[in-house]
Each structure stands twice: as C-alpha cells, then as structure tokens.
Amino acid sequence: MNHQHWFTLSIEHQYFYNNECDVFELLPTHETRRIMKNYGIRFQKLGHQYYASAVVAPSKEVWEELQMTEDLYFQLINTDPNFDNYTNVALPKKEDSVLYITNSKVTNKQNNEEIATPLGIETRPLRFHVNVSKTETTSVVVKNNEGQEIFNQPSLTNRSNVSVDISAFGSGVYQLWINGSLSSTFFGTSQILHTNCYGILHIQMRNIQESLKENTTPSLQVNFESRATFWEYVVVVPKDKKIEIQKMSIESVDSEQYIGPEKKIVLKGQEASTVFTSTNAIKLYQKPEKHAILKIQYTNQFSDTLQELDMKMPVPGVSSIITENENNENSYYSQTIIYV
C-alpha cells in the first residue's frame, strides 16, 4: 500500500510576491473527515499549495480507490486578519455568506489545470424555517447539488413558515426552490462554522475520477485580486528638526501621478501636514520592485544653502484602510505617515 497524489489546490493572490498566498488552512467537515479516514486521504500543505493523496493498493489505480468516495467539503480558514483590506472584495461583507470554490470541470493532459472564480454563497443550518404567506399555499422544495429533489413540503393554512429538515443528507450545497423558482443556493451544515471561515472548498469527486482516468492529476487554481486604493502619503516634519521646507515632490515609479503637495490637518492636535494623494487607485502589493522617492529641498537655521534629501517611499500598510462613499460607491484610501 502506498500514497498516490490525486489532486492539487493552489491559492494565488496579486498582493503577494510571486502571487503565492499561504494564509489559508483547510478544515474538513465532520463527514469529510470520516471519508478521509476510511480512504486514507490526506492533504499536505506546502506554501500556497495543498497536495491530496490517498492510500492505493498495488493492484489498483488511484481512481479505482476513489470511485465510491462522496464529495469532499472543507472550510477555508483565513489566518490573516488584514486579508479583506488588501483583497478586492466588497465591504462590509454580507452576514451568513462565504466564498464558494469548486472543481467544476473534467481535466485532461492538454489542460490539467482549472482556474476557479470564487463566488459568494449563503450558509444555513440543515434545519431552518422558510417564511411564507398565511393566505396562500406555498411550495417549498430543496434540491441537492445534482438537482435531485430531497425535500418537498407545501405550506399549511394559517401557518407563516415551513420547517425544513435535511439533516439526514449532511453538509453540502443545496438549492431552495419556492413555488417553482430558485430562491437561493446555499451551503448547509449542522456544524458551527469556524470564526475565521472565509470560504468553502467543494471537491467534486466525480470530476476528479474522470480526470484521473484521463491519466492526468487535476489541479485547481484559485486567484484573488488585490484591492485598489488611493495612496495618501502624509509627510510630517517635526519642529525639533528646525528646517524650512522649500520644495517637496514625489518621483514615482510606473508613471503613477500624485496630487500635491497639499496642506491638511490629518493628525489630531498637530499643525497641518504635507499630503500627497495618488490621482488614481493603485493596486496594493506587499513588496515593491522599486520604491518611489520623496524628494525634499530644505534650508536650516545655520545656513541658507539649499539642502537635498531623498527618502524611499514605503508601500502602504494594510492594517487599516479608509472607506469613503462617493456617489453611492465606496472609494478606499491607504494612508501612510512619513516622518522626515
């Protein structure tokens, strides 16, 4: 018996160097944990990638060992509290909603990697109520991920809700249909989701098996975009420096343009600071290849000779961002304070 590799998950993010995003951990649901134990399945994390393997008998192919396996579900646990600040997601986030990631295709040797677009999905317990009209009969239907009807209950007269119980089917992706129309797609589970659950990874084993039959190891790549913010640099010259600023400018990289210098009171209890703001929103990144330069010309109390100072500009931090609503749209600002 030996372990054979049968699936790879890669998580990439524009914010990080080489796009390698390693801020997530995989947490299997109770049902998936049972399946993994029964089939000797394990996931190994190496940086931003997760490698799945299974115990395979010498006389069998890996797809044969996995052919009776049910779909696998994992919580994606976010370990970085600043993730939303540097990621292009809507803020504030919807309650009872997470990202949904799945392998929806069968891959082959010519195209063994699938790129998944994370989508939002509602989360629900496996027992819940659906509000309905007291005066009209309402059809409430729940279907599983394959479109099979697993619950069908018309509302009762003078009752304002229908009680749904699909706990016998376990964690999974379901559809709620009201009077023949799709009301919502949701991830249902009897578990309390982890506080830092950011998304659900759904591995569709039928697609995995068909890909393995094509003699290819399927790979799923998840891509996140960086948030674009207006970069605001606040330049503070402490009084004890005893210098007079004559001129200040930014020598940018990649043709970025800045408005400024402008005098604004930014720090409470202090005099106006010199502020530069990018004319356009710039995507955040962790490490720059080149630094913009803050160029300062100044004189001091000892001489009228013009002195020059060049300072490397740091990229904005992501511990906080400023949100401003303009014309019913949010604009985001990253503020960086530079002390001369």
Protein backbone atom coordinates (compact mmCIF):
# COMPACT_ATOMS: atom_id res chain seq x y z
CA MET A 1 0.00 0.00 0.00
CA ASN A 2 1.31 3.44 -0.85
CA HIS A 3 0.04 7.02 -1.07
CA GLN A 4 -0.61 8.39 -4.54
CA HIS A 5 -1.09 12.04 -5.42
CA TRP A 6 -4.52 12.74 -6.97
CA PHE A 7 -5.25 16.49 -6.67
CA THR A 8 -3.53 19.85 -6.18
CA LEU A 9 -5.06 23.10 -4.92
CA SER A 10 -3.15 26.36 -5.47
CA ILE A 11 -4.20 29.67 -3.95
CA GLU A 12 -2.75 32.77 -5.59
CA HIS A 13 -3.09 36.46 -4.78
CA GLN A 14 -1.77 39.52 -6.64
CA TYR A 15 -0.77 41.15 -3.34
CA PHE A 16 1.98 38.65 -2.58
CA TYR A 17 5.39 38.18 -4.14
CA ASN A 18 5.09 35.58 -6.93
CA ASN A 19 1.34 35.58 -6.17
CA GLU A 20 1.91 32.89 -3.52
CA CYS A 21 -0.84 33.16 -0.89
CA ASP A 22 -0.29 30.92 2.13
CA VAL A 23 -2.73 32.48 4.60
CA PHE A 24 -5.36 29.72 4.43
CA GLU A 25 -5.74 26.38 6.20
CA LEU A 26 -8.12 23.55 5.23
CA LEU A 27 -10.56 22.26 7.84
CA PRO A 28 -12.64 19.24 6.74
CA THR A 29 -16.28 18.92 7.74
CA HIS A 30 -17.20 16.02 10.03
CA GLU A 31 -18.46 13.95 7.07
CA THR A 32 -15.33 14.66 5.03
CA ARG A 33 -13.09 13.78 7.96
CA ARG A 34 -14.80 10.36 8.12
CA ILE A 35 -14.31 9.79 4.38
CA MET A 36 -10.65 10.80 4.58
CA LYS A 37 -10.08 8.29 7.38
CA ASN A 38 -11.84 5.48 5.51
CA TYR A 39 -9.90 6.00 2.27
CA GLY A 40 -6.55 7.04 3.73
CA ILE A 41 -6.86 10.51 2.19
CA ARG A 42 -4.59 13.27 3.41
CA PHE A 43 -3.79 16.84 2.41
CA GLN A 44 -0.29 18.24 2.73
CA LYS A 45 0.30 22.00 2.67
CA LEU A 46 3.47 23.27 1.02
CA GLY A 47 3.47 27.07 0.90
CA HIS A 48 0.43 28.17 -1.09
CA GLN A 49 -0.33 24.69 -2.43
CA TYR A 50 -2.21 21.71 -1.00
CA TYR A 51 -1.47 18.20 -2.24
CA ALA A 52 -4.08 15.45 -1.84
CA SER A 53 -3.05 11.80 -1.74
CA ALA A 54 -4.77 8.50 -0.98
CA VAL A 55 -3.75 5.01 0.02
CA VAL A 56 -3.79 2.81 -3.11
CA ALA A 57 -3.44 -0.97 -3.28
CA PRO A 58 -0.71 -2.26 -5.67
CA SER A 59 -3.32 -3.91 -7.90
CA LYS A 60 -5.46 -0.76 -8.31
CA GLU A 61 -5.34 2.65 -9.94
CA VAL A 62 -5.92 5.68 -7.74
CA TRP A 63 -9.23 6.46 -9.48
CA GLU A 64 -10.48 2.97 -8.64
CA GLU A 65 -9.77 3.53 -4.94
CA LEU A 66 -11.68 6.82 -5.04
CA GLN A 67 -14.63 5.81 -7.23
CA MET A 68 -17.03 5.27 -4.31
CA THR A 69 -15.93 8.40 -2.50
CA GLU A 70 -18.51 11.12 -1.82
CA ASP A 71 -17.77 14.78 -2.47
CA LEU A 72 -15.39 16.42 0.00
CA TYR A 73 -16.04 19.74 1.78
CA PHE A 74 -13.52 21.90 3.60
CA GLN A 75 -13.71 25.20 5.40
CA LEU A 76 -11.09 27.66 4.19
CA ILE A 77 -9.75 29.17 7.42
CA ASN A 78 -8.25 32.64 6.99
CA THR A 79 -5.23 33.22 9.25
CA ASP A 80 -4.62 36.86 8.23
CA PRO A 81 -6.95 39.43 9.88
CA ASN A 82 -5.94 42.02 7.24
CA PHE A 83 -6.93 39.85 4.25
CA ASP A 84 -10.06 41.83 3.37
CA ASN A 85 -8.11 45.11 3.45
CA TYR A 86 -5.80 44.14 0.60
CA THR A 87 -8.25 41.93 -1.31
CA ASN A 88 -10.74 43.13 -3.90
CA VAL A 89 -13.92 42.17 -2.04
CA ALA A 90 -16.96 44.28 -1.24
CA LEU A 91 -17.03 45.85 2.22
CA PRO A 92 -18.80 45.40 4.52
CA LYS A 93 -19.19 41.68 3.83
CA LYS A 94 -22.61 40.04 3.91
CA GLU A 95 -23.52 38.14 7.04
CA ASP A 96 -24.04 34.37 6.71
CA SER A 97 -22.16 34.38 3.41
CA VAL A 98 -18.80 32.88 2.43
CA LEU A 99 -16.85 32.23 -0.76
CA TYR A 100 -17.56 29.03 -2.67
CA ILE A 101 -14.80 27.30 -4.62
CA THR A 102 -15.19 24.08 -6.58
CA ASN A 103 -13.70 22.00 -9.40
CA SER A 104 -16.48 22.11 -11.95
CA LYS A 105 -14.66 20.52 -14.93
CA VAL A 106 -13.03 17.28 -16.02
CA THR A 107 -9.41 17.97 -16.95
CA ASN A 108 -7.09 16.16 -19.36
CA LYS A 109 -3.44 16.10 -20.41
CA GLN A 110 -3.87 19.14 -22.68
CA ASN A 111 -5.48 21.16 -19.91
CA ASN A 112 -4.90 19.69 -16.46
CA GLU A 113 -5.38 22.93 -14.51
CA GLU A 114 -8.74 24.57 -13.84
CA ILE A 115 -8.94 28.19 -12.72
CA ALA A 116 -11.80 28.76 -10.29
CA THR A 117 -13.52 32.08 -9.69
CA PRO A 118 -14.58 32.37 -6.03
CA LEU A 119 -18.29 33.16 -5.74
CA GLY A 120 -20.36 34.14 -2.73
CA ILE A 121 -22.67 31.55 -1.23
CA GLU A 122 -25.18 31.72 1.62
CA THR A 123 -24.72 29.44 4.62
CA ARG A 124 -27.58 27.77 6.50
CA PRO A 125 -28.05 25.08 9.15
CA LEU A 126 -29.63 21.85 7.95
CA ARG A 127 -32.76 22.68 9.92
CA PHE A 128 -34.34 26.08 9.17
CA HIS A 129 -37.63 27.87 8.59
CA VAL A 130 -38.88 29.45 5.36
CA ASN A 131 -41.28 32.36 5.76
CA VAL A 132 -44.43 32.04 3.63
CA SER A 133 -47.82 33.69 3.20
CA LYS A 134 -50.57 32.62 5.61
CA THR A 135 -53.27 33.09 2.99
CA GLU A 136 -51.74 31.19 0.06
CA THR A 137 -50.31 27.70 -0.34
CA THR A 138 -46.57 27.86 -0.98
CA SER A 139 -44.44 25.05 -2.39
CA VAL A 140 -41.05 24.70 -0.65
CA VAL A 141 -38.56 22.36 -2.32
CA VAL A 142 -34.89 21.65 -1.59
CA LYS A 143 -32.63 20.01 -4.20
CA ASN A 144 -29.14 18.65 -3.76
CA ASN A 145 -26.09 19.63 -5.82
CA GLU A 146 -27.08 17.17 -8.57
CA GLY A 147 -30.55 18.66 -8.90
CA GLN A 148 -32.32 15.79 -7.15
CA GLU A 149 -35.32 16.73 -5.01
CA ILE A 150 -34.72 15.78 -1.37
CA PHE A 151 -37.42 17.84 0.37
CA ASN A 152 -40.89 18.88 -0.77
CA GLN A 153 -43.39 20.44 1.59
CA PRO A 154 -46.37 22.69 0.79
CA SER A 155 -47.22 25.27 3.43
CA LEU A 156 -50.17 24.69 5.76
CA THR A 157 -53.16 27.05 6.01
CA ASN A 158 -52.70 29.87 8.53
CA ARG A 159 -49.03 28.96 9.04
CA SER A 160 -46.43 31.67 8.34
CA ASN A 161 -43.48 29.33 7.82
CA VAL A 162 -42.42 25.90 6.62
CA SER A 163 -39.93 23.89 8.68
CA VAL A 164 -37.16 22.36 6.57
CA ASP A 165 -35.08 19.44 7.86
CA ILE A 166 -32.40 17.99 5.55
CA SER A 167 -30.04 16.89 8.32
CA ALA A 168 -30.11 13.30 7.04
CA PHE A 169 -28.18 14.39 3.95
CA GLY A 170 -25.26 16.04 5.75
CA SER A 171 -23.13 19.03 4.78
CA GLY A 172 -23.31 20.06 1.15
CA VAL A 173 -24.50 22.52 -1.47
CA TYR A 174 -28.28 22.77 -1.85
CA GLN A 175 -30.89 24.77 -3.74
CA LEU A 176 -34.02 26.26 -2.19
CA TRP A 177 -36.98 26.49 -4.59
CA ILE A 178 -40.13 28.50 -3.76
CA ASN A 179 -43.19 27.94 -5.95
CA GLY A 180 -41.07 26.51 -8.74
CA SER A 181 -38.49 29.33 -8.76
CA LEU A 182 -34.94 29.13 -7.47
CA SER A 183 -34.76 31.25 -4.31
CA SER A 184 -31.15 30.62 -3.27
CA THR A 185 -28.18 28.29 -3.46
CA PHE A 186 -26.64 27.65 -0.07
CA PHE A 187 -24.09 25.60 1.80
CA GLY A 188 -25.89 23.66 4.50
CA THR A 189 -24.17 22.15 7.51
CA SER A 190 -25.03 21.02 11.01
CA GLN A 191 -21.65 22.32 12.22
CA ILE A 192 -20.97 25.76 13.60
CA LEU A 193 -18.55 27.30 11.13
CA HIS A 194 -15.15 28.40 12.39
CA THR A 195 -14.96 32.09 13.38
CA ASN A 196 -12.41 32.68 10.60
CA CYS A 197 -14.12 30.57 7.94
CA TYR A 198 -13.65 32.57 4.73
CA GLY A 199 -14.96 30.08 2.23
CA ILE A 200 -16.00 26.53 1.36
CA LEU A 201 -13.89 24.27 -0.85
CA HIS A 202 -16.08 21.69 -2.57
CA ILE A 203 -14.16 18.89 -4.28
CA GLN A 204 -16.44 17.14 -6.76
CA MET A 205 -15.08 13.60 -6.75
CA ARG A 206 -16.81 12.53 -9.96
CA ASN A 207 -14.80 15.16 -11.87
CA ILE A 208 -11.65 14.04 -10.05
CA GLN A 209 -12.18 10.40 -11.02
CA GLU A 210 -12.89 11.20 -14.68
CA SER A 211 -9.77 13.37 -14.82
CA LEU A 212 -7.63 10.60 -13.28
CA LYS A 213 -8.98 8.17 -15.91
CA GLU A 214 -7.50 10.56 -18.49
CA ASN A 215 -4.11 9.87 -16.87
CA THR A 216 -3.83 13.40 -15.55
CA THR A 217 -3.67 14.69 -11.99
CA PRO A 218 -6.23 17.51 -11.78
CA SER A 219 -5.18 20.87 -10.40
CA LEU A 220 -7.40 23.71 -9.21
CA GLN A 221 -6.08 27.26 -9.04
CA VAL A 222 -7.88 29.97 -7.07
CA ASN A 223 -6.99 33.59 -7.85
CA PHE A 224 -7.59 36.67 -5.69
CA GLU A 225 -7.18 40.23 -6.95
CA SER A 226 -5.57 43.00 -4.93
CA ARG A 227 -7.70 45.87 -3.72
CA ALA A 228 -7.06 49.17 -5.49
CA THR A 229 -6.84 52.16 -3.15
CA PHE A 230 -5.90 55.79 -3.38
CA TRP A 231 -2.45 56.08 -1.82
CA GLU A 232 -2.21 59.03 0.57
CA TYR A 233 1.18 60.00 1.98
CA VAL A 234 1.22 62.34 4.97
CA VAL A 235 4.64 63.96 5.40
CA VAL A 236 5.36 65.23 8.91
CA VAL A 237 8.36 67.47 9.67
CA PRO A 238 8.90 67.55 13.47
CA LYS A 239 9.55 71.01 14.89
CA ASP A 240 12.75 69.88 16.56
CA LYS A 241 14.28 69.33 13.12
CA LYS A 242 14.42 73.13 12.77
CA ILE A 243 14.38 73.08 8.99
CA GLU A 244 12.39 75.03 6.42
CA ILE A 245 10.96 73.03 3.54
CA GLN A 246 11.44 74.85 0.25
CA LYS A 247 10.18 72.21 -2.14
CA MET A 248 8.76 68.71 -1.92
CA SER A 249 7.77 66.25 -4.66
CA ILE A 250 7.41 62.55 -5.40
CA GLU A 251 9.43 60.79 -8.06
CA SER A 252 7.09 57.91 -8.81
CA VAL A 253 7.50 54.51 -10.43
CA ASP A 254 5.34 53.07 -13.21
CA SER A 255 4.16 56.58 -14.19
CA GLU A 256 1.99 56.97 -11.09
CA GLN A 257 0.80 60.53 -10.56
CA TYR A 258 0.14 62.33 -7.27
CA ILE A 259 -1.86 65.40 -6.33
CA GLY A 260 0.14 67.62 -4.02
CA PRO A 261 1.77 68.80 -2.02
CA GLU A 262 -1.32 69.99 -0.14
CA LYS A 263 -1.53 71.29 3.42
CA LYS A 264 -4.06 69.38 5.53
CA ILE A 265 -4.68 68.78 9.20
CA VAL A 266 -4.53 65.00 9.38
CA LEU A 267 -3.15 64.26 12.83
CA LYS A 268 -5.26 65.49 15.73
CA GLY A 269 -3.66 68.13 17.88
CA GLN A 270 -0.94 68.89 15.35
CA GLU A 271 -0.39 71.51 12.69
CA ALA A 272 -1.17 70.93 9.04
CA SER A 273 0.92 68.27 7.34
CA THR A 274 2.02 67.98 3.73
CA VAL A 275 -0.15 65.46 1.87
CA PHE A 276 0.26 63.70 -1.48
CA THR A 277 -2.61 61.62 -2.90
CA SER A 278 -2.46 59.39 -5.98
CA THR A 279 -4.67 60.59 -8.83
CA ASN A 280 -5.91 57.03 -9.46
CA ALA A 281 -6.48 54.00 -7.29
CA ILE A 282 -3.41 51.73 -7.23
CA LYS A 283 -3.47 48.01 -6.54
CA LEU A 284 -1.87 47.12 -3.22
CA TYR A 285 1.18 44.86 -3.13
CA GLN A 286 3.35 43.52 -0.34
CA LYS A 287 6.86 44.17 -1.65
CA PRO A 288 7.85 46.72 -4.31
CA GLU A 289 10.40 46.03 -7.02
CA LYS A 290 11.26 49.72 -6.96
CA HIS A 291 10.47 52.46 -4.46
CA ALA A 292 9.01 55.86 -5.26
CA ILE A 293 11.25 58.64 -3.94
CA LEU A 294 10.19 61.56 -1.76
CA LYS A 295 12.44 64.45 -2.87
CA ILE A 296 12.86 67.29 -0.40
CA GLN A 297 14.71 70.58 -0.72
CA TYR A 298 15.22 72.49 2.55
CA THR A 299 17.26 75.03 4.45
CA ASN A 300 18.18 75.10 8.13
CA GLN A 301 18.87 77.70 10.78
CA PHE A 302 22.61 77.53 10.26
CA SER A 303 22.71 78.13 6.52
CA ASP A 304 20.67 79.42 3.62
CA THR A 305 22.29 76.85 1.36
CA LEU A 306 19.69 74.63 -0.22
CA GLN A 307 19.99 71.06 1.01
CA GLU A 308 18.51 67.99 -0.67
CA LEU A 309 17.12 64.82 0.86
CA ASP A 310 15.82 61.72 -0.93
CA MET A 311 13.67 59.24 1.01
CA LYS A 312 12.38 55.88 -0.18
CA MET A 313 8.60 55.78 -0.01
CA PRO A 314 7.18 52.70 1.73
CA VAL A 315 4.26 50.85 0.19
CA PRO A 316 1.07 51.39 2.21
CA GLY A 317 0.41 49.16 5.18
CA VAL A 318 -2.76 47.07 5.21
CA SER A 319 -3.66 47.03 8.89
CA SER A 320 -6.38 49.58 8.12
CA ILE A 321 -7.96 51.33 5.14
CA ILE A 322 -10.22 54.38 4.96
CA THR A 323 -13.59 53.94 3.22
CA GLU A 324 -15.40 56.93 1.73
CA ASN A 325 -18.74 56.76 -0.06
CA GLU A 326 -18.83 58.88 -3.19
CA ASN A 327 -21.88 58.86 -5.48
CA ASN A 328 -23.15 55.67 -3.77
CA GLU A 329 -19.84 53.93 -4.49
CA ASN A 330 -17.12 53.15 -1.99
CA SER A 331 -13.64 54.54 -2.54
CA TYR A 332 -10.76 53.21 -0.48
CA TYR A 333 -7.73 55.13 0.80
CA SER A 334 -4.46 53.83 2.21
CA GLN A 335 -2.80 56.38 4.46
CA THR A 336 0.92 56.30 5.22
CA ILE A 337 2.63 58.73 7.60
CA ILE A 338 6.25 59.61 6.82
CA TYR A 339 8.37 61.42 9.38
CA VAL A 340 11.26 63.42 7.93
